[in-house]
Amino acid sequence: MSKLSQRAIDALNDKIERLEGVYDELKDIAEKEMDRYWAVFKLRNQSIINAASRGEQTKKVGRLAPRIHKMTDRDSVRLEWIIFDGSPRRTQSSPEKKSTKHFSKTVPQPQRGYSAGTFKRFNCEDWEIEMALESERILSPVRKAMKQIKQEIRST
């Protein structure tokens, strides 16, 4: 191998390392936003439960939350919203295997991004929708940038 081709390979490897570093930074930003969401979500649900036990209000607790889903077939993650159900659903993967319990379902991401209407279709509470849209202001650009970076890494 010539010096020129070795330098080209090194340059490409350096580019991939830099892109992976930026990808990890974006993932950290998403994790921090999701942690913030979860902290407020838990406090809000606890206050609703406490008020309901005193008979002061009849609001329902929240079920909508973000998560980072690690893709098993490639080294990437997906930022998605899920709805928690009170009771598990069973999914049958194959007749000979035991069915798996699922306590949540993924909210499919519309092509134009998440909106209030997306969450209303899943009967989310108004306060949840407001919180989710606030988080989406950060998560949506992060999601797009992460997707572009992964495409760039694959094309290199």
Protein backbone atom coordinates (compact mmCIF):
# COMPACT_ATOMS: atom_id res chain seq x y z
CA MET A 1 0.00 0.00 0.00
CA SER A 2 1.35 3.40 -0.94
CA LYS A 3 1.83 6.30 1.45
CA LEU A 4 -0.91 8.24 -0.33
CA SER A 5 -3.54 5.53 0.07
CA GLN A 6 -2.53 5.00 3.72
CA ARG A 7 -2.95 8.74 4.39
CA ALA A 8 -6.38 8.64 2.73
CA ILE A 9 -7.42 5.72 4.93
CA ASP A 10 -6.11 7.51 8.04
CA ALA A 11 -7.98 10.68 7.07
CA LEU A 12 -11.22 8.73 6.63
CA ASN A 13 -10.73 6.98 9.97
CA ASP A 14 -10.13 10.35 11.64
CA LYS A 15 -13.31 11.72 10.05
CA ILE A 16 -15.31 8.73 11.29
CA GLU A 17 -13.92 9.15 14.81
CA ARG A 18 -14.86 12.85 14.84
CA LEU A 19 -18.36 12.09 13.57
CA GLU A 20 -18.81 9.37 16.19
CA GLY A 21 -17.70 11.84 18.85
CA VAL A 22 -20.32 14.37 17.73
CA TYR A 23 -22.92 11.56 17.61
CA ASP A 24 -22.10 10.64 21.22
CA GLU A 25 -22.36 14.31 22.28
CA LEU A 26 -25.80 14.56 20.66
CA LYS A 27 -26.84 11.36 22.41
CA ASP A 28 -25.74 12.90 25.73
CA ILE A 29 -27.83 16.00 25.03
CA ALA A 30 -30.85 13.79 24.33
CA GLU A 31 -30.26 11.78 27.51
CA LYS A 32 -30.09 14.95 29.61
CA GLU A 33 -33.34 16.24 28.12
CA MET A 34 -35.02 12.89 28.71
CA ASP A 35 -33.76 12.83 32.30
CA ARG A 36 -35.22 16.32 32.80
CA TYR A 37 -38.53 15.14 31.32
CA TRP A 38 -38.60 12.07 33.57
CA ALA A 39 -37.89 14.11 36.72
CA VAL A 40 -40.78 16.48 36.03
CA PHE A 41 -43.00 13.59 34.84
CA LYS A 42 -42.52 11.66 38.10
CA LEU A 43 -43.18 14.73 40.26
CA ARG A 44 -46.30 15.61 38.25
CA ASN A 45 -47.67 12.07 38.48
CA GLN A 46 -46.95 11.91 42.20
CA SER A 47 -48.80 15.19 42.82
CA ILE A 48 -51.78 13.90 40.81
CA ILE A 49 -51.82 10.66 42.83
CA ASN A 50 -51.57 12.57 46.13
CA ALA A 51 -54.35 15.00 45.15
CA ALA A 52 -56.57 12.14 43.97
CA SER A 53 -56.08 10.27 47.26
CA ARG A 54 -57.28 13.39 49.10
CA GLY A 55 -60.21 13.67 46.69
CA GLU A 56 -59.13 17.07 45.39
CA GLN A 57 -58.88 16.29 41.69
CA THR A 58 -59.73 13.66 39.13
CA LYS A 59 -56.88 14.14 36.65
CA LYS A 60 -55.33 11.02 35.21
CA VAL A 61 -51.66 10.23 35.64
CA GLY A 62 -49.37 10.55 32.65
CA ARG A 63 -48.39 7.65 30.41
CA LEU A 64 -46.27 9.35 27.73
CA ALA A 65 -42.48 9.31 28.04
CA PRO A 66 -39.38 9.48 25.84
CA ARG A 67 -36.74 6.79 25.59
CA ILE A 68 -33.53 6.05 23.78
CA HIS A 69 -33.92 2.78 21.92
CA LYS A 70 -30.65 1.00 21.08
CA MET A 71 -30.87 -0.57 17.66
CA THR A 72 -29.71 -4.19 17.80
CA ASP A 73 -28.72 -4.55 14.16
CA ARG A 74 -26.45 -1.50 14.00
CA ASP A 75 -24.53 0.79 16.28
CA SER A 76 -27.12 3.53 16.56
CA VAL A 77 -29.99 4.70 18.74
CA ARG A 78 -33.49 5.96 18.07
CA LEU A 79 -35.11 8.72 20.11
CA GLU A 80 -38.76 7.78 20.47
CA TRP A 81 -41.87 8.32 22.56
CA ILE A 82 -43.69 5.50 24.29
CA ILE A 83 -47.06 5.07 25.98
CA PHE A 84 -47.08 3.03 29.18
CA ASP A 85 -50.07 0.78 29.70
CA GLY A 86 -51.27 -0.30 33.12
CA SER A 87 -51.55 -3.90 32.09
CA PRO A 88 -49.17 -5.83 29.86
CA ARG A 89 -49.93 -6.90 26.32
CA ARG A 90 -48.66 -10.18 25.07
CA THR A 91 -46.99 -10.41 21.71
CA GLN A 92 -46.54 -13.72 20.01
CA SER A 93 -43.25 -13.90 18.14
CA SER A 94 -43.60 -17.52 17.08
CA PRO A 95 -45.90 -20.41 18.01
CA GLU A 96 -43.23 -22.43 19.82
CA LYS A 97 -41.91 -19.56 21.94
CA LYS A 98 -43.53 -18.08 25.01
CA SER A 99 -45.17 -14.73 24.42
CA THR A 100 -43.44 -11.65 25.75
CA LYS A 101 -45.10 -9.16 28.09
CA HIS A 102 -44.98 -5.55 26.93
CA PHE A 103 -45.96 -2.71 29.24
CA SER A 104 -45.54 -0.01 26.62
CA LYS A 105 -46.09 0.72 22.97
CA THR A 106 -44.13 3.01 20.71
CA VAL A 107 -45.73 6.16 19.34
CA PRO A 108 -44.88 6.03 15.62
CA GLN A 109 -42.97 9.06 14.42
CA PRO A 110 -44.83 10.94 11.70
CA GLN A 111 -42.81 12.06 8.69
CA ARG A 112 -43.19 15.73 9.68
CA GLY A 113 -42.27 15.04 13.31
CA TYR A 114 -44.25 14.74 16.51
CA SER A 115 -47.08 17.18 17.10
CA ALA A 116 -49.91 17.67 19.58
CA GLY A 117 -52.23 15.70 17.29
CA THR A 118 -49.84 12.76 17.29
CA PHE A 119 -50.03 12.50 21.06
CA LYS A 120 -53.78 13.22 21.25
CA ARG A 121 -54.45 10.11 19.17
CA PHE A 122 -53.03 8.13 22.09
CA ASN A 123 -55.31 9.87 24.63
CA CYS A 124 -52.49 11.72 26.36
CA GLU A 125 -53.28 14.30 29.00
CA ASP A 126 -52.91 17.98 28.07
CA TRP A 127 -50.05 18.53 30.53
CA GLU A 128 -48.18 15.54 29.03
CA ILE A 129 -48.59 16.89 25.52
CA GLU A 130 -47.28 20.29 26.61
CA MET A 131 -44.23 18.68 28.25
CA ALA A 132 -43.60 16.41 25.25
CA LEU A 133 -43.74 19.30 22.78
CA GLU A 134 -41.35 21.27 24.98
CA SER A 135 -38.91 18.34 24.93
CA GLU A 136 -39.41 17.87 21.20
CA ARG A 137 -38.04 21.38 20.62
CA ILE A 138 -34.70 19.92 21.73
CA LEU A 139 -35.07 16.28 20.67
CA SER A 140 -36.26 16.91 17.11
CA PRO A 141 -33.13 18.74 15.89
CA VAL A 142 -30.94 16.28 17.80
CA ARG A 143 -32.79 13.37 16.14
CA LYS A 144 -32.26 14.90 12.68
CA ALA A 145 -28.58 15.63 13.29
CA MET A 146 -27.98 12.11 14.60
CA LYS A 147 -29.62 10.64 11.50
CA GLN A 148 -27.47 12.79 9.20
CA ILE A 149 -24.29 11.87 11.06
CA LYS A 150 -25.05 8.14 10.83
CA GLN A 151 -25.68 8.51 7.09
CA GLU A 152 -22.38 10.35 6.73
CA ILE A 153 -20.53 7.63 8.66
CA ARG A 154 -22.09 4.90 6.51
CA SER A 155 -21.16 6.71 3.30
CA THR A 156 -17.53 7.18 4.39
